Amino acid sequence: MTRINSFILKMQVWKDTRGQDLIEYALMAGFVAVAAGAIMPGVATSISTIFSKIASVMTAAAATS
């Protein structure tokens, strides 16, 4: 019976799409930032700084996990 329950739980996880919207918005914000950096070179340095900070925070978070 536990095999059936675990199978059902795994299938529910595959169908779960609650976090999908957040990922899509994050990707869209990244694309807009890259496009803004390409169009306005003055903004490119600040965008680069922001992405560098995000990358360092994510690296530190991955190291602690």
PDB file of N, CA and C in Angstrom:
ATOM      1  N   MET A   1       0.824  -1.196   0.000  1.00  0.00           N
ATOM      2  CA  MET A   1       0.000   0.000   0.000  1.00  0.00           C
ATOM      3  C   MET A   1       0.871   1.264   0.000  1.00  0.00           C
ATOM      4  N   THR A   2       2.041   1.195   0.650  1.00  0.00           N
ATOM      5  CA  THR A   2       2.903   2.385   0.686  1.00  0.00           C
ATOM      6  C   THR A   2       3.491   2.681  -0.685  1.00  0.00           C
ATOM      7  N   ARG A   3       3.686   1.665  -1.503  1.00  0.00           N
ATOM      8  CA  ARG A   3       4.172   1.897  -2.864  1.00  0.00           C
ATOM      9  C   ARG A   3       3.157   2.694  -3.665  1.00  0.00           C
ATOM     10  N   ILE A   4       1.907   2.377  -3.497  1.00  0.00           N
ATOM     11  CA  ILE A   4       0.849   3.103  -4.212  1.00  0.00           C
ATOM     12  C   ILE A   4       0.801   4.543  -3.728  1.00  0.00           C
ATOM     13  N   ASN A   5       0.889   4.736  -2.425  1.00  0.00           N
ATOM     14  CA  ASN A   5       0.856   6.101  -1.879  1.00  0.00           C
ATOM     15  C   ASN A   5       2.048   6.921  -2.347  1.00  0.00           C
ATOM     16  N   SER A   6       3.234   6.332  -2.372  1.00  0.00           N
ATOM     17  CA  SER A   6       4.411   7.069  -2.816  1.00  0.00           C
ATOM     18  C   SER A   6       4.320   7.384  -4.304  1.00  0.00           C
ATOM     19  N   PHE A   7       3.771   6.463  -5.094  1.00  0.00           N
ATOM     20  CA  PHE A   7       3.584   6.714  -6.524  1.00  0.00           C
ATOM     21  C   PHE A   7       2.616   7.860  -6.751  1.00  0.00           C
ATOM     22  N   ILE A   8       1.534   7.869  -6.014  1.00  0.00           N
ATOM     23  CA  ILE A   8       0.545   8.946  -6.138  1.00  0.00           C
ATOM     24  C   ILE A   8       1.164  10.280  -5.736  1.00  0.00           C
ATOM     25  N   LEU A   9       1.958  10.288  -4.683  1.00  0.00           N
ATOM     26  CA  LEU A   9       2.619  11.513  -4.245  1.00  0.00           C
ATOM     27  C   LEU A   9       3.579  12.028  -5.308  1.00  0.00           C
ATOM     28  N   LYS A  10       4.348  11.128  -5.917  1.00  0.00           N
ATOM     29  CA  LYS A  10       5.267  11.532  -6.974  1.00  0.00           C
ATOM     30  C   LYS A  10       4.524  12.098  -8.174  1.00  0.00           C
ATOM     31  N   MET A  11       3.406  11.534  -8.513  1.00  0.00           N
ATOM     32  CA  MET A  11       2.631  12.039  -9.649  1.00  0.00           C
ATOM     33  C   MET A  11       2.059  13.423  -9.337  1.00  0.00           C
ATOM     34  N   GLN A  12       1.677  13.677  -8.099  1.00  0.00           N
ATOM     35  CA  GLN A  12       1.161  14.988  -7.725  1.00  0.00           C
ATOM     36  C   GLN A  12       2.260  16.036  -7.798  1.00  0.00           C
ATOM     37  N   VAL A  13       3.487  15.677  -7.457  1.00  0.00           N
ATOM     38  CA  VAL A  13       4.604  16.613  -7.544  1.00  0.00           C
ATOM     39  C   VAL A  13       4.860  16.989  -8.994  1.00  0.00           C
ATOM     40  N   TRP A  14       4.777  16.039  -9.903  1.00  0.00           N
ATOM     41  CA  TRP A  14       5.006  16.329 -11.320  1.00  0.00           C
ATOM     42  C   TRP A  14       3.936  17.265 -11.875  1.00  0.00           C
ATOM     43  N   LYS A  15       2.706  17.169 -11.363  1.00  0.00           N
ATOM     44  CA  LYS A  15       1.609  18.011 -11.855  1.00  0.00           C
ATOM     45  C   LYS A  15       1.601  19.392 -11.215  1.00  0.00           C
ATOM     46  N   ASP A  16       2.345  19.581 -10.147  1.00  0.00           N
ATOM     47  CA  ASP A  16       2.353  20.846  -9.410  1.00  0.00           C
ATOM     48  C   ASP A  16       3.037  21.931 -10.237  1.00  0.00           C
ATOM     49  N   THR A  17       2.342  23.034 -10.510  1.00  0.00           N
ATOM     50  CA  THR A  17       2.893  24.124 -11.323  1.00  0.00           C
ATOM     51  C   THR A  17       2.839  25.455 -10.581  1.00  0.00           C
ATOM     52  N   ARG A  18       2.781  25.437  -9.268  1.00  0.00           N
ATOM     53  CA  ARG A  18       2.647  26.685  -8.518  1.00  0.00           C
ATOM     54  C   ARG A  18       3.866  27.584  -8.648  1.00  0.00           C
ATOM     55  N   GLY A  19       5.070  27.054  -8.748  1.00  0.00           N
ATOM     56  CA  GLY A  19       6.265  27.873  -8.834  1.00  0.00           C
ATOM     57  C   GLY A  19       6.612  28.313 -10.244  1.00  0.00           C
ATOM     58  N   GLN A  20       5.845  27.854 -11.204  1.00  0.00           N
ATOM     59  CA  GLN A  20       6.145  28.142 -12.600  1.00  0.00           C
ATOM     60  C   GLN A  20       6.047  29.633 -12.901  1.00  0.00           C
ATOM     61  N   ASP A  21       5.058  30.315 -12.379  1.00  0.00           N
ATOM     62  CA  ASP A  21       4.888  31.743 -12.661  1.00  0.00           C
ATOM     63  C   ASP A  21       6.081  32.554 -12.179  1.00  0.00           C
ATOM     64  N   LEU A  22       6.585  32.247 -11.005  1.00  0.00           N
ATOM     65  CA  LEU A  22       7.735  32.971 -10.460  1.00  0.00           C
ATOM     66  C   LEU A  22       8.954  32.824 -11.362  1.00  0.00           C
ATOM     67  N   ILE A  23       9.185  31.629 -11.847  1.00  0.00           N
ATOM     68  CA  ILE A  23      10.330  31.394 -12.728  1.00  0.00           C
ATOM     69  C   ILE A  23      10.156  32.146 -14.039  1.00  0.00           C
ATOM     70  N   GLU A  24       8.941  32.149 -14.573  1.00  0.00           N
ATOM     71  CA  GLU A  24       8.699  32.868 -15.823  1.00  0.00           C
ATOM     72  C   GLU A  24       8.917  34.365 -15.651  1.00  0.00           C
ATOM     73  N   TYR A  25       8.454  34.928 -14.553  1.00  0.00           N
ATOM     74  CA  TYR A  25       8.652  36.360 -14.312  1.00  0.00           C
ATOM     75  C   TYR A  25      10.131  36.684 -14.120  1.00  0.00           C
ATOM     76  N   ALA A  26      10.854  35.810 -13.445  1.00  0.00           N
ATOM     77  CA  ALA A  26      12.284  36.041 -13.239  1.00  0.00           C
ATOM     78  C   ALA A  26      13.034  35.994 -14.566  1.00  0.00           C
ATOM     79  N   LEU A  27      12.688  35.048 -15.423  1.00  0.00           N
ATOM     80  CA  LEU A  27      13.312  34.978 -16.738  1.00  0.00           C
ATOM     81  C   LEU A  27      13.000  36.218 -17.569  1.00  0.00           C
ATOM     82  N   MET A  28      11.761  36.665 -17.518  1.00  0.00           N
ATOM     83  CA  MET A  28      11.370  37.852 -18.274  1.00  0.00           C
ATOM     84  C   MET A  28      12.107  39.086 -17.762  1.00  0.00           C
ATOM     85  N   ALA A  29      12.249  39.220 -16.453  1.00  0.00           N
ATOM     86  CA  ALA A  29      12.988  40.362 -15.890  1.00  0.00           C
ATOM     87  C   ALA A  29      14.449  40.310 -16.322  1.00  0.00           C
ATOM     88  N   GLY A  30      15.018  39.123 -16.378  1.00  0.00           N
ATOM     89  CA  GLY A  30      16.393  38.982 -16.845  1.00  0.00           C
ATOM     90  C   GLY A  30      16.544  39.382 -18.303  1.00  0.00           C
ATOM     91  N   PHE A  31      15.599  38.976 -19.140  1.00  0.00           N
ATOM     92  CA  PHE A  31      15.644  39.355 -20.551  1.00  0.00           C
ATOM     93  C   PHE A  31      15.515  40.860 -20.734  1.00  0.00           C
ATOM     94  N   VAL A  32      14.633  41.482 -19.964  1.00  0.00           N
ATOM     95  CA  VAL A  32      14.470  42.935 -20.043  1.00  0.00           C
ATOM     96  C   VAL A  32      15.746  43.638 -19.599  1.00  0.00           C
ATOM     97  N   ALA A  33      16.378  43.130 -18.557  1.00  0.00           N
ATOM     98  CA  ALA A  33      17.621  43.744 -18.080  1.00  0.00           C
ATOM     99  C   ALA A  33      18.733  43.626 -19.116  1.00  0.00           C
ATOM    100  N   VAL A  34      18.834  42.489 -19.764  1.00  0.00           N
ATOM    101  CA  VAL A  34      19.860  42.308 -20.793  1.00  0.00           C
ATOM    102  C   VAL A  34      19.580  43.217 -21.986  1.00  0.00           C
ATOM    103  N   ALA A  35      18.321  43.323 -22.372  1.00  0.00           N
ATOM    104  CA  ALA A  35      17.965  44.197 -23.488  1.00  0.00           C
ATOM    105  C   ALA A  35      18.251  45.659 -23.142  1.00  0.00           C
ATOM    106  N   ALA A  36      17.935  46.063 -21.921  1.00  0.00           N
ATOM    107  CA  ALA A  36      18.211  47.442 -21.503  1.00  0.00           C
ATOM    108  C   ALA A  36      19.706  47.709 -21.496  1.00  0.00           C
ATOM    109  N   GLY A  37      20.487  46.744 -21.091  1.00  0.00           N
ATOM    110  CA  GLY A  37      21.937  46.906 -21.104  1.00  0.00           C
ATOM    111  C   GLY A  37      22.494  47.013 -22.509  1.00  0.00           C
ATOM    112  N   ALA A  38      21.875  46.304 -23.441  1.00  0.00           N
ATOM    113  CA  ALA A  38      22.333  46.368 -24.828  1.00  0.00           C
ATOM    114  C   ALA A  38      21.954  47.696 -25.472  1.00  0.00           C
ATOM    115  N   ILE A  39      20.807  48.226 -25.107  1.00  0.00           N
ATOM    116  CA  ILE A  39      20.336  49.477 -25.710  1.00  0.00           C
ATOM    117  C   ILE A  39      20.998  50.691 -25.072  1.00  0.00           C
ATOM    118  N   MET A  40      21.146  50.667 -23.767  1.00  0.00           N
ATOM    119  CA  MET A  40      21.717  51.806 -23.040  1.00  0.00           C
ATOM    120  C   MET A  40      23.023  51.383 -22.377  1.00  0.00           C
ATOM    121  N   PRO A  41      24.154  51.682 -22.978  1.00  0.00           N
ATOM    122  CA  PRO A  41      25.443  51.237 -22.412  1.00  0.00           C
ATOM    123  C   PRO A  41      25.725  51.784 -21.014  1.00  0.00           C
ATOM    124  N   GLY A  42      25.186  52.937 -20.660  1.00  0.00           N
ATOM    125  CA  GLY A  42      25.407  53.484 -19.325  1.00  0.00           C
ATOM    126  C   GLY A  42      24.771  52.642 -18.238  1.00  0.00           C
ATOM    127  N   VAL A  43      23.703  51.956 -18.586  1.00  0.00           N
ATOM    128  CA  VAL A  43      22.999  51.118 -17.618  1.00  0.00           C
ATOM    129  C   VAL A  43      23.673  49.746 -17.494  1.00  0.00           C
ATOM    130  N   ALA A  44      24.450  49.384 -18.492  1.00  0.00           N
ATOM    131  CA  ALA A  44      25.058  48.050 -18.531  1.00  0.00           C
ATOM    132  C   ALA A  44      25.946  47.777 -17.318  1.00  0.00           C
ATOM    133  N   THR A  45      26.689  48.786 -16.843  1.00  0.00           N
ATOM    134  CA  THR A  45      27.572  48.549 -15.695  1.00  0.00           C
ATOM    135  C   THR A  45      26.777  48.283 -14.420  1.00  0.00           C
ATOM    136  N   SER A  46      25.681  49.014 -14.239  1.00  0.00           N
ATOM    137  CA  SER A  46      24.884  48.781 -13.025  1.00  0.00           C
ATOM    138  C   SER A  46      24.171  47.433 -13.094  1.00  0.00           C
ATOM    139  N   ILE A  47      23.731  47.043 -14.285  1.00  0.00           N
ATOM    140  CA  ILE A  47      23.100  45.729 -14.441  1.00  0.00           C
ATOM    141  C   ILE A  47      24.121  44.636 -14.172  1.00  0.00           C
ATOM    142  N   SER A  48      25.336  44.816 -14.660  1.00  0.00           N
ATOM    143  CA  SER A  48      26.390  43.839 -14.421  1.00  0.00           C
ATOM    144  C   SER A  48      26.685  43.702 -12.930  1.00  0.00           C
ATOM    145  N   THR A  49      26.691  44.825 -12.229  1.00  0.00           N
ATOM    146  CA  THR A  49      26.921  44.798 -10.779  1.00  0.00           C
ATOM    147  C   THR A  49      25.812  44.039 -10.061  1.00  0.00           C
ATOM    148  N   ILE A  50      24.580  44.268 -10.464  1.00  0.00           N
ATOM    149  CA  ILE A  50      23.440  43.587  -9.833  1.00  0.00           C
ATOM    150  C   ILE A  50      23.522  42.082 -10.061  1.00  0.00           C
ATOM    151  N   PHE A  51      23.808  41.675 -11.319  1.00  0.00           N
ATOM    152  CA  PHE A  51      23.912  40.243 -11.607  1.00  0.00           C
ATOM    153  C   PHE A  51      25.080  39.611 -10.862  1.00  0.00           C
ATOM    154  N   SER A  52      26.157  40.331 -10.687  1.00  0.00           N
ATOM    155  CA  SER A  52      27.299  39.805  -9.939  1.00  0.00           C
ATOM    156  C   SER A  52      26.937  39.579  -8.474  1.00  0.00           C
ATOM    157  N   LYS A  53      26.194  40.529  -7.898  1.00  0.00           N
ATOM    158  CA  LYS A  53      25.760  40.368  -6.505  1.00  0.00           C
ATOM    159  C   LYS A  53      24.817  39.182  -6.365  1.00  0.00           C
ATOM    160  N   ILE A  54      23.894  39.033  -7.316  1.00  0.00           N
ATOM    161  CA  ILE A  54      22.959  37.910  -7.271  1.00  0.00           C
ATOM    162  C   ILE A  54      23.716  36.589  -7.385  1.00  0.00           C
ATOM    163  N   ALA A  55      24.688  36.542  -8.293  1.00  0.00           N
ATOM    164  CA  ALA A  55      25.470  35.316  -8.474  1.00  0.00           C
ATOM    165  C   ALA A  55      26.256  34.964  -7.210  1.00  0.00           C
ATOM    166  N   SER A  56      26.818  35.970  -6.546  1.00  0.00           N
ATOM    167  CA  SER A  56      27.583  35.669  -5.332  1.00  0.00           C
ATOM    168  C   SER A  56      26.672  35.195  -4.201  1.00  0.00           C
ATOM    169  N   VAL A  57      25.485  35.772  -4.100  1.00  0.00           N
ATOM    170  CA  VAL A  57      24.534  35.330  -3.071  1.00  0.00           C
ATOM    171  C   VAL A  57      24.075  33.907  -3.348  1.00  0.00           C
ATOM    172  N   MET A  58      23.796  33.603  -4.606  1.00  0.00           N
ATOM    173  CA  MET A  58      23.353  32.241  -4.948  1.00  0.00           C
ATOM    174  C   MET A  58      24.475  31.226  -4.736  1.00  0.00           C
ATOM    175  N   THR A  59      25.706  31.609  -5.029  1.00  0.00           N
ATOM    176  CA  THR A  59      26.839  30.713  -4.799  1.00  0.00           C
ATOM    177  C   THR A  59      27.020  30.441  -3.309  1.00  0.00           C
ATOM    178  N   ALA A  60      26.890  31.485  -2.504  1.00  0.00           N
ATOM    179  CA  ALA A  60      27.017  31.313  -1.054  1.00  0.00           C
ATOM    180  C   ALA A  60      25.872  30.436  -0.520  1.00  0.00           C
ATOM    181  N   ALA A  61      24.667  30.621  -1.052  1.00  0.00           N
ATOM    182  CA  ALA A  61      23.529  29.826  -0.603  1.00  0.00           C
ATOM    183  C   ALA A  61      23.695  28.353  -0.996  1.00  0.00           C
ATOM    184  N   ALA A  62      24.242  28.121  -2.192  1.00  0.00           N
ATOM    185  CA  ALA A  62      24.452  26.739  -2.635  1.00  0.00           C
ATOM    186  C   ALA A  62      25.544  26.052  -1.818  1.00  0.00           C
ATOM    187  N   ALA A  63      26.526  26.835  -1.375  1.00  0.00           N
ATOM    188  CA  ALA A  63      27.615  26.259  -0.589  1.00  0.00           C
ATOM    189  C   ALA A  63      27.142  25.840   0.801  1.00  0.00           C
ATOM    190  N   THR A  64      26.151  26.546   1.345  1.00  0.00           N
ATOM    191  CA  THR A  64      25.660  26.208   2.682  1.00  0.00           C
ATOM    192  C   THR A  64      24.654  25.077   2.657  1.00  0.00           C
ATOM    193  N   SER A  65      24.080  24.788   1.501  1.00  0.00           N
ATOM    194  CA  SER A  65      23.061  23.725   1.429  1.00  0.00           C
ATOM    195  C   SER A  65      23.670  22.366   1.373  1.00  0.00           C
TER     196      SER A  65
END
